[in-house]
Every structure is written in C-alpha cells, then in structure tokens.
Amino acid sequence: MVALGLVVARFNREVTERMEAAAREAAAEAGCDVVETLHVPGAYDAPLAADRLARRDDVDAVAVVGAIHGGDTDHDQVIGHAAAQGLTDVSLDRDTPVTLGVSGPGMSMDEARARVEVGTHAVESALALVDELEDYE
C-alpha cells in the first residue's frame, strides 16, 4: 500500500476543500493510505510543507492541491511559477514523487470551481510515479 502525504492550500478554500475531498476519494479508491495532511495558507507555501512530508520515511509520495485564480495583476503567474518550481525542486532533492495538483494561474473562480478533479489527478499521478519508479531505487 502506498503511503501518501497530502498538502492542501487554504486560499480559495471553497475550491480547495472540494479538491481535497476528490484527492482523498481517489486515494481510497486506489487503496492508498493518506498518512498526513498539511494545510498551508496558499499554493506558494506548499513546497515547504511538501518537503517536510517528503522527508518522512513513512511517506512514499506527496500530492499537492490548490487553486490560483487571476486578478488585476500578474501576481497569480508569479505564485504559480514559484509553486511549480518549488515542488519540482522538492521532488528532485528528496527523490520522492511530489505532484502538482494546483489549478491555475490565469483562471476565473468559475473555472477553478469546475476543475476540482485536479485533486484526483494529483493523487493518480503520485501513485503512478511510485509504481513506475519502484524498480529503479
């Protein structure tokens, strides 16, 4: 059984709570155990939490969910790029699958609400990576 860490951004909570539920459902359907869930203020804060989970011996992979919607500035783009790069760095530094289940940037709140399945995809991707890489340890 794969042991999964889950990081959930609180910003845009009306969306991310549904993403978390979708992620948990996907994990349960796959027979995966979510051993720890960390809630962080926003997607920008996810890499540090993902790193803490990836350090644990009882975590095989980390799935991160969040939603970044557009605004009047390019702030959403900055947050999205920083979060994606930070999560990539954690995955490579810790040699642990860390998946990006963050929708956006550049989307409206209606688009964010319509993309809660991204939580499912993050878990499915994490499980697929664990499965694929287990022969290459």
N, C-alpha and C. Protein backbone atom coordinates (compact mmCIF):
# COMPACT_ATOMS: atom_id res chain seq x y z
N MET A 1 0.84 -1.18 0.00
CA MET A 1 0.00 0.00 0.00
C MET A 1 0.89 1.25 0.00
N VAL A 2 0.56 2.17 -0.87
CA VAL A 2 1.30 3.43 -0.96
C VAL A 2 0.86 4.36 0.16
N ALA A 3 1.84 4.95 0.83
CA ALA A 3 1.57 5.94 1.88
C ALA A 3 1.75 7.33 1.27
N LEU A 4 0.71 8.12 1.35
CA LEU A 4 0.69 9.41 0.67
C LEU A 4 0.62 10.55 1.69
N GLY A 5 1.41 11.58 1.43
CA GLY A 5 1.28 12.84 2.15
C GLY A 5 0.45 13.78 1.28
N LEU A 6 -0.38 14.58 1.89
CA LEU A 6 -1.25 15.49 1.15
C LEU A 6 -1.04 16.90 1.67
N VAL A 7 -0.83 17.84 0.75
CA VAL A 7 -0.71 19.25 1.10
C VAL A 7 -1.88 19.97 0.44
N VAL A 8 -2.61 20.74 1.24
CA VAL A 8 -3.79 21.44 0.75
C VAL A 8 -3.67 22.93 1.04
N ALA A 9 -3.77 23.74 0.00
CA ALA A 9 -3.75 25.19 0.18
C ALA A 9 -5.11 25.66 0.67
N ARG A 10 -5.11 26.56 1.64
CA ARG A 10 -6.37 27.09 2.18
C ARG A 10 -6.92 28.23 1.34
N PHE A 11 -6.06 28.96 0.65
CA PHE A 11 -6.53 30.08 -0.16
C PHE A 11 -7.49 29.55 -1.22
N ASN A 12 -8.60 30.21 -1.41
CA ASN A 12 -9.67 29.73 -2.28
C ASN A 12 -10.28 28.45 -1.72
N ARG A 13 -10.49 28.48 -0.42
CA ARG A 13 -10.95 27.30 0.33
C ARG A 13 -12.20 26.66 -0.26
N GLU A 14 -13.12 27.46 -0.81
CA GLU A 14 -14.34 26.85 -1.35
C GLU A 14 -14.01 25.86 -2.46
N VAL A 15 -12.90 26.08 -3.13
CA VAL A 15 -12.45 25.16 -4.18
C VAL A 15 -11.54 24.09 -3.61
N THR A 16 -10.58 24.49 -2.77
CA THR A 16 -9.57 23.54 -2.32
C THR A 16 -10.14 22.48 -1.37
N GLU A 17 -11.20 22.81 -0.64
CA GLU A 17 -11.83 21.77 0.18
C GLU A 17 -12.42 20.67 -0.70
N ARG A 18 -13.00 21.06 -1.80
CA ARG A 18 -13.54 20.06 -2.74
C ARG A 18 -12.41 19.29 -3.42
N MET A 19 -11.31 19.97 -3.70
CA MET A 19 -10.15 19.29 -4.29
C MET A 19 -9.58 18.26 -3.31
N GLU A 20 -9.51 18.64 -2.04
CA GLU A 20 -9.04 17.71 -1.02
C GLU A 20 -9.95 16.49 -0.93
N ALA A 21 -11.25 16.71 -0.96
CA ALA A 21 -12.20 15.59 -0.91
C ALA A 21 -12.00 14.68 -2.12
N ALA A 22 -11.80 15.27 -3.29
CA ALA A 22 -11.58 14.47 -4.50
C ALA A 22 -10.27 13.68 -4.39
N ALA A 23 -9.25 14.29 -3.84
CA ALA A 23 -7.96 13.61 -3.66
C ALA A 23 -8.10 12.44 -2.69
N ARG A 24 -8.80 12.67 -1.59
CA ARG A 24 -9.00 11.59 -0.60
C ARG A 24 -9.81 10.43 -1.18
N GLU A 25 -10.81 10.77 -1.98
CA GLU A 25 -11.62 9.73 -2.61
C GLU A 25 -10.78 8.91 -3.58
N ALA A 26 -9.95 9.59 -4.36
CA ALA A 26 -9.07 8.88 -5.31
C ALA A 26 -8.10 7.98 -4.57
N ALA A 27 -7.56 8.46 -3.46
CA ALA A 27 -6.63 7.65 -2.67
C ALA A 27 -7.34 6.41 -2.11
N ALA A 28 -8.53 6.60 -1.57
CA ALA A 28 -9.29 5.48 -1.01
C ALA A 28 -9.63 4.45 -2.09
N GLU A 29 -10.04 4.92 -3.25
CA GLU A 29 -10.38 4.00 -4.34
C GLU A 29 -9.18 3.19 -4.80
N ALA A 30 -7.99 3.78 -4.68
CA ALA A 30 -6.77 3.10 -5.11
C ALA A 30 -6.15 2.25 -3.99
N GLY A 31 -6.77 2.27 -2.82
CA GLY A 31 -6.22 1.53 -1.70
C GLY A 31 -4.99 2.19 -1.10
N CYS A 32 -4.90 3.47 -1.26
CA CYS A 32 -3.76 4.26 -0.79
C CYS A 32 -4.10 4.86 0.57
N ASP A 33 -3.11 4.94 1.44
CA ASP A 33 -3.30 5.49 2.77
C ASP A 33 -2.75 6.92 2.82
N VAL A 34 -3.60 7.89 3.14
CA VAL A 34 -3.14 9.27 3.35
C VAL A 34 -2.68 9.33 4.80
N VAL A 35 -1.36 9.34 4.99
CA VAL A 35 -0.81 9.24 6.34
C VAL A 35 -0.74 10.59 7.05
N GLU A 36 -0.71 11.67 6.29
CA GLU A 36 -0.63 13.01 6.90
C GLU A 36 -1.15 14.03 5.91
N THR A 37 -1.88 15.00 6.41
CA THR A 37 -2.35 16.13 5.60
C THR A 37 -1.90 17.41 6.27
N LEU A 38 -1.25 18.26 5.49
CA LEU A 38 -0.84 19.58 5.98
C LEU A 38 -1.63 20.63 5.21
N HIS A 39 -2.24 21.54 5.95
CA HIS A 39 -2.96 22.66 5.34
C HIS A 39 -2.08 23.89 5.43
N VAL A 40 -1.85 24.53 4.29
CA VAL A 40 -0.97 25.70 4.22
C VAL A 40 -1.79 26.90 3.76
N PRO A 41 -1.31 28.11 4.01
CA PRO A 41 -2.08 29.29 3.62
C PRO A 41 -2.42 29.35 2.12
N GLY A 42 -1.44 29.09 1.26
CA GLY A 42 -1.69 29.16 -0.18
C GLY A 42 -0.72 28.28 -0.95
N ALA A 43 -0.89 28.25 -2.26
CA ALA A 43 -0.05 27.40 -3.12
C ALA A 43 1.42 27.76 -3.01
N TYR A 44 1.71 29.03 -2.83
CA TYR A 44 3.10 29.47 -2.70
C TYR A 44 3.79 28.79 -1.51
N ASP A 45 3.02 28.48 -0.48
CA ASP A 45 3.56 27.89 0.74
C ASP A 45 3.68 26.37 0.68
N ALA A 46 3.19 25.77 -0.35
CA ALA A 46 3.15 24.31 -0.46
C ALA A 46 4.52 23.63 -0.53
N PRO A 47 5.53 24.20 -1.19
CA PRO A 47 6.81 23.47 -1.27
C PRO A 47 7.44 23.14 0.08
N LEU A 48 7.40 24.05 1.03
CA LEU A 48 7.98 23.74 2.34
C LEU A 48 7.24 22.60 3.02
N ALA A 49 5.93 22.63 2.98
CA ALA A 49 5.15 21.55 3.58
C ALA A 49 5.40 20.23 2.84
N ALA A 50 5.47 20.29 1.53
CA ALA A 50 5.75 19.07 0.75
C ALA A 50 7.12 18.51 1.10
N ASP A 51 8.07 19.40 1.32
CA ASP A 51 9.42 18.96 1.69
C ASP A 51 9.40 18.25 3.04
N ARG A 52 8.67 18.79 4.00
CA ARG A 52 8.59 18.16 5.32
C ARG A 52 7.98 16.76 5.21
N LEU A 53 6.96 16.62 4.39
CA LEU A 53 6.34 15.31 4.22
C LEU A 53 7.27 14.36 3.47
N ALA A 54 7.94 14.86 2.44
CA ALA A 54 8.83 14.01 1.62
C ALA A 54 10.03 13.51 2.42
N ARG A 55 10.38 14.17 3.50
CA ARG A 55 11.48 13.74 4.35
C ARG A 55 11.12 12.51 5.20
N ARG A 56 9.84 12.30 5.39
CA ARG A 56 9.40 11.24 6.28
C ARG A 56 9.61 9.86 5.66
N ASP A 57 10.05 8.93 6.46
CA ASP A 57 10.26 7.56 6.00
C ASP A 57 8.95 6.84 5.69
N ASP A 58 7.86 7.29 6.29
CA ASP A 58 6.57 6.62 6.09
C ASP A 58 5.74 7.26 4.98
N VAL A 59 6.34 8.13 4.16
CA VAL A 59 5.64 8.77 3.05
C VAL A 59 6.32 8.37 1.74
N ASP A 60 5.55 7.76 0.84
CA ASP A 60 6.08 7.33 -0.45
C ASP A 60 5.97 8.41 -1.52
N ALA A 61 4.99 9.28 -1.38
CA ALA A 61 4.76 10.34 -2.37
C ALA A 61 3.95 11.45 -1.70
N VAL A 62 3.98 12.63 -2.32
CA VAL A 62 3.24 13.78 -1.82
C VAL A 62 2.40 14.34 -2.96
N ALA A 63 1.13 14.55 -2.69
CA ALA A 63 0.24 15.20 -3.65
C ALA A 63 -0.12 16.58 -3.09
N VAL A 64 -0.06 17.59 -3.93
CA VAL A 64 -0.34 18.96 -3.51
C VAL A 64 -1.55 19.46 -4.29
N VAL A 65 -2.50 20.07 -3.57
CA VAL A 65 -3.66 20.64 -4.24
C VAL A 65 -3.85 22.09 -3.82
N GLY A 66 -4.27 22.88 -4.79
CA GLY A 66 -4.53 24.29 -4.56
C GLY A 66 -5.16 24.90 -5.79
N ALA A 67 -5.57 26.14 -5.67
CA ALA A 67 -6.20 26.85 -6.79
C ALA A 67 -5.72 28.29 -6.81
N ILE A 68 -5.22 28.70 -7.97
CA ILE A 68 -4.72 30.06 -8.15
C ILE A 68 -5.55 30.71 -9.24
N HIS A 69 -6.30 31.75 -8.88
CA HIS A 69 -7.11 32.43 -9.89
C HIS A 69 -6.49 33.78 -10.24
N GLY A 70 -6.83 34.26 -11.41
CA GLY A 70 -6.30 35.52 -11.92
C GLY A 70 -6.88 36.72 -11.20
N GLY A 71 -6.16 37.81 -11.32
CA GLY A 71 -6.60 39.06 -10.73
C GLY A 71 -6.24 40.21 -11.65
N ASP A 72 -6.08 41.37 -11.07
CA ASP A 72 -5.78 42.57 -11.84
C ASP A 72 -4.31 42.70 -12.20
N THR A 73 -3.45 41.88 -11.58
CA THR A 73 -2.01 41.94 -11.84
C THR A 73 -1.54 40.56 -12.29
N ASP A 74 -0.24 40.42 -12.47
CA ASP A 74 0.35 39.13 -12.83
C ASP A 74 0.74 38.31 -11.60
N HIS A 75 0.25 38.71 -10.44
CA HIS A 75 0.60 38.03 -9.20
C HIS A 75 0.31 36.52 -9.27
N ASP A 76 -0.80 36.15 -9.88
CA ASP A 76 -1.14 34.73 -9.98
C ASP A 76 -0.10 33.95 -10.78
N GLN A 77 0.46 34.59 -11.80
CA GLN A 77 1.50 33.94 -12.61
C GLN A 77 2.76 33.71 -11.77
N VAL A 78 3.14 34.71 -10.99
CA VAL A 78 4.32 34.61 -10.13
C VAL A 78 4.13 33.48 -9.12
N ILE A 79 2.97 33.44 -8.49
CA ILE A 79 2.68 32.40 -7.49
C ILE A 79 2.71 31.02 -8.15
N GLY A 80 2.07 30.89 -9.29
CA GLY A 80 2.03 29.60 -9.98
C GLY A 80 3.40 29.09 -10.37
N HIS A 81 4.21 29.95 -10.93
CA HIS A 81 5.56 29.54 -11.33
C HIS A 81 6.42 29.18 -10.12
N ALA A 82 6.34 30.00 -9.07
CA ALA A 82 7.13 29.72 -7.88
C ALA A 82 6.73 28.40 -7.23
N ALA A 83 5.43 28.16 -7.13
CA ALA A 83 4.96 26.91 -6.52
C ALA A 83 5.40 25.70 -7.35
N ALA A 84 5.23 25.79 -8.65
CA ALA A 84 5.61 24.66 -9.52
C ALA A 84 7.11 24.38 -9.43
N GLN A 85 7.92 25.41 -9.47
CA GLN A 85 9.37 25.21 -9.39
C GLN A 85 9.77 24.68 -8.02
N GLY A 86 9.16 25.22 -6.97
CA GLY A 86 9.47 24.74 -5.63
C GLY A 86 9.11 23.28 -5.44
N LEU A 87 7.98 22.87 -5.95
CA LEU A 87 7.57 21.47 -5.82
C LEU A 87 8.47 20.55 -6.65
N THR A 88 8.87 21.01 -7.82
CA THR A 88 9.81 20.24 -8.63
C THR A 88 11.13 20.05 -7.88
N ASP A 89 11.60 21.12 -7.28
CA ASP A 89 12.86 21.05 -6.52
C ASP A 89 12.75 20.06 -5.37
N VAL A 90 11.64 20.07 -4.65
CA VAL A 90 11.45 19.14 -3.54
C VAL A 90 11.48 17.71 -4.05
N SER A 91 10.78 17.45 -5.12
CA SER A 91 10.73 16.09 -5.66
C SER A 91 12.12 15.59 -6.03
N LEU A 92 12.89 16.43 -6.69
CA LEU A 92 14.24 16.03 -7.09
C LEU A 92 15.20 15.95 -5.91
N ASP A 93 15.13 16.91 -5.00
CA ASP A 93 16.02 16.92 -3.84
C ASP A 93 15.76 15.74 -2.91
N ARG A 94 14.51 15.37 -2.74
CA ARG A 94 14.15 14.29 -1.81
C ARG A 94 14.00 12.94 -2.50
N ASP A 95 14.11 12.91 -3.82
CA ASP A 95 13.93 11.68 -4.59
C ASP A 95 12.60 11.02 -4.23
N THR A 96 11.57 11.86 -4.16
CA THR A 96 10.23 11.42 -3.79
C THR A 96 9.24 12.07 -4.75
N PRO A 97 8.31 11.31 -5.30
CA PRO A 97 7.31 11.93 -6.16
C PRO A 97 6.51 13.00 -5.42
N VAL A 98 6.47 14.18 -6.00
CA VAL A 98 5.65 15.29 -5.49
C VAL A 98 4.86 15.79 -6.69
N THR A 99 3.55 15.67 -6.61
CA THR A 99 2.74 16.02 -7.78
C THR A 99 2.01 17.34 -7.60
N LEU A 100 1.84 18.02 -8.71
CA LEU A 100 1.26 19.36 -8.76
C LEU A 100 -0.22 19.27 -9.11
N GLY A 101 -1.05 19.38 -8.10
CA GLY A 101 -2.49 19.41 -8.30
C GLY A 101 -3.02 20.81 -8.04
N VAL A 102 -2.34 21.78 -8.61
CA VAL A 102 -2.72 23.18 -8.43
C VAL A 102 -3.30 23.68 -9.74
N SER A 103 -4.56 24.07 -9.71
CA SER A 103 -5.17 24.61 -10.93
C SER A 103 -4.85 26.09 -11.03
N GLY A 104 -4.77 26.57 -12.25
CA GLY A 104 -4.41 27.96 -12.50
C GLY A 104 -2.93 28.04 -12.76
N PRO A 105 -2.40 29.18 -12.87
CA PRO A 105 -2.96 30.52 -12.75
C PRO A 105 -3.74 30.93 -14.01
N GLY A 106 -4.27 32.13 -13.96
CA GLY A 106 -4.95 32.69 -15.12
C GLY A 106 -6.38 32.23 -15.31
N MET A 107 -6.98 31.69 -14.28
CA MET A 107 -8.36 31.23 -14.43
C MET A 107 -9.28 32.05 -13.54
N SER A 108 -10.54 32.02 -13.87
CA SER A 108 -11.55 32.68 -13.05
C SER A 108 -11.95 31.74 -11.92
N MET A 109 -12.68 32.26 -10.95
CA MET A 109 -13.18 31.40 -9.87
C MET A 109 -14.15 30.36 -10.40
N ASP A 110 -14.94 30.72 -11.42
CA ASP A 110 -15.84 29.72 -12.02
C ASP A 110 -15.04 28.59 -12.65
N GLU A 111 -13.95 28.94 -13.31
CA GLU A 111 -13.09 27.90 -13.90
C GLU A 111 -12.44 27.06 -12.80
N ALA A 112 -12.05 27.69 -11.70
CA ALA A 112 -11.46 26.95 -10.59
C ALA A 112 -12.46 25.96 -10.01
N ARG A 113 -13.69 26.40 -9.82
CA ARG A 113 -14.73 25.52 -9.29
C ARG A 113 -14.97 24.31 -10.21
N ALA A 114 -14.80 24.52 -11.50
CA ALA A 114 -15.03 23.45 -12.47
C ALA A 114 -13.86 22.48 -12.57
N ARG A 115 -12.76 22.78 -11.89
CA ARG A 115 -11.55 21.95 -12.00
C ARG A 115 -11.16 21.25 -10.71
N VAL A 116 -12.12 20.91 -9.89
CA VAL A 116 -11.77 20.24 -8.64
C VAL A 116 -11.19 18.85 -8.86
N GLU A 117 -11.40 18.29 -10.03
CA GLU A 117 -10.83 16.96 -10.33
C GLU A 117 -9.31 16.98 -10.37
N VAL A 118 -8.72 18.16 -10.36
CA VAL A 118 -7.26 18.26 -10.32
C VAL A 118 -6.73 17.56 -9.06
N GLY A 119 -7.50 17.56 -7.99
CA GLY A 119 -7.12 16.82 -6.79
C GLY A 119 -7.01 15.33 -7.05
N THR A 120 -7.94 14.81 -7.82
CA THR A 120 -7.89 13.40 -8.22
C THR A 120 -6.65 13.12 -9.05
N HIS A 121 -6.38 13.99 -10.01
CA HIS A 121 -5.23 13.80 -10.89
C HIS A 121 -3.91 13.83 -10.12
N ALA A 122 -3.82 14.68 -9.10
CA ALA A 122 -2.59 14.75 -8.31
C ALA A 122 -2.32 13.42 -7.61
N VAL A 123 -3.34 12.82 -7.05
CA VAL A 123 -3.18 11.52 -6.38
C VAL A 123 -2.87 10.43 -7.39
N GLU A 124 -3.60 10.40 -8.49
CA GLU A 124 -3.35 9.39 -9.52
C GLU A 124 -1.93 9.49 -10.05
N SER A 125 -1.45 10.69 -10.25
CA SER A 125 -0.08 10.89 -10.75
C SER A 125 0.95 10.42 -9.72
N ALA A 126 0.71 10.74 -8.46
CA ALA A 126 1.63 10.31 -7.40
C ALA A 126 1.72 8.79 -7.35
N LEU A 127 0.58 8.13 -7.41
CA LEU A 127 0.57 6.67 -7.37
C LEU A 127 1.25 6.06 -8.59
N ALA A 128 1.00 6.65 -9.75
CA ALA A 128 1.64 6.16 -10.98
C ALA A 128 3.16 6.30 -10.91
N LEU A 129 3.63 7.42 -10.37
CA LEU A 129 5.07 7.62 -10.24
C LEU A 129 5.70 6.63 -9.27
N VAL A 130 5.05 6.42 -8.14
CA VAL A 130 5.57 5.44 -7.18
C VAL A 130 5.67 4.08 -7.84
N ASP A 131 4.63 3.68 -8.54
CA ASP A 131 4.60 2.38 -9.22
C ASP A 131 5.71 2.28 -10.27
N GLU A 132 5.84 3.30 -11.08
CA GLU A 132 6.81 3.28 -12.17
C GLU A 132 8.25 3.30 -11.66
N LEU A 133 8.50 4.02 -10.60
CA LEU A 133 9.88 4.22 -10.13
C LEU A 133 10.35 3.17 -9.13
N GLU A 134 9.45 2.32 -8.62
CA GLU A 134 9.86 1.40 -7.58
C GLU A 134 10.94 0.41 -8.04
N ASP A 135 11.01 0.12 -9.30
CA ASP A 135 12.04 -0.79 -9.81
C ASP A 135 13.38 -0.09 -10.03
N TYR A 136 13.45 1.21 -9.81
CA TYR A 136 14.66 1.98 -10.10
C TYR A 136 15.27 2.60 -8.85
N GLU A 137 15.08 1.97 -7.72
CA GLU A 137 15.63 2.51 -6.47
C GLU A 137 17.08 2.15 -6.32
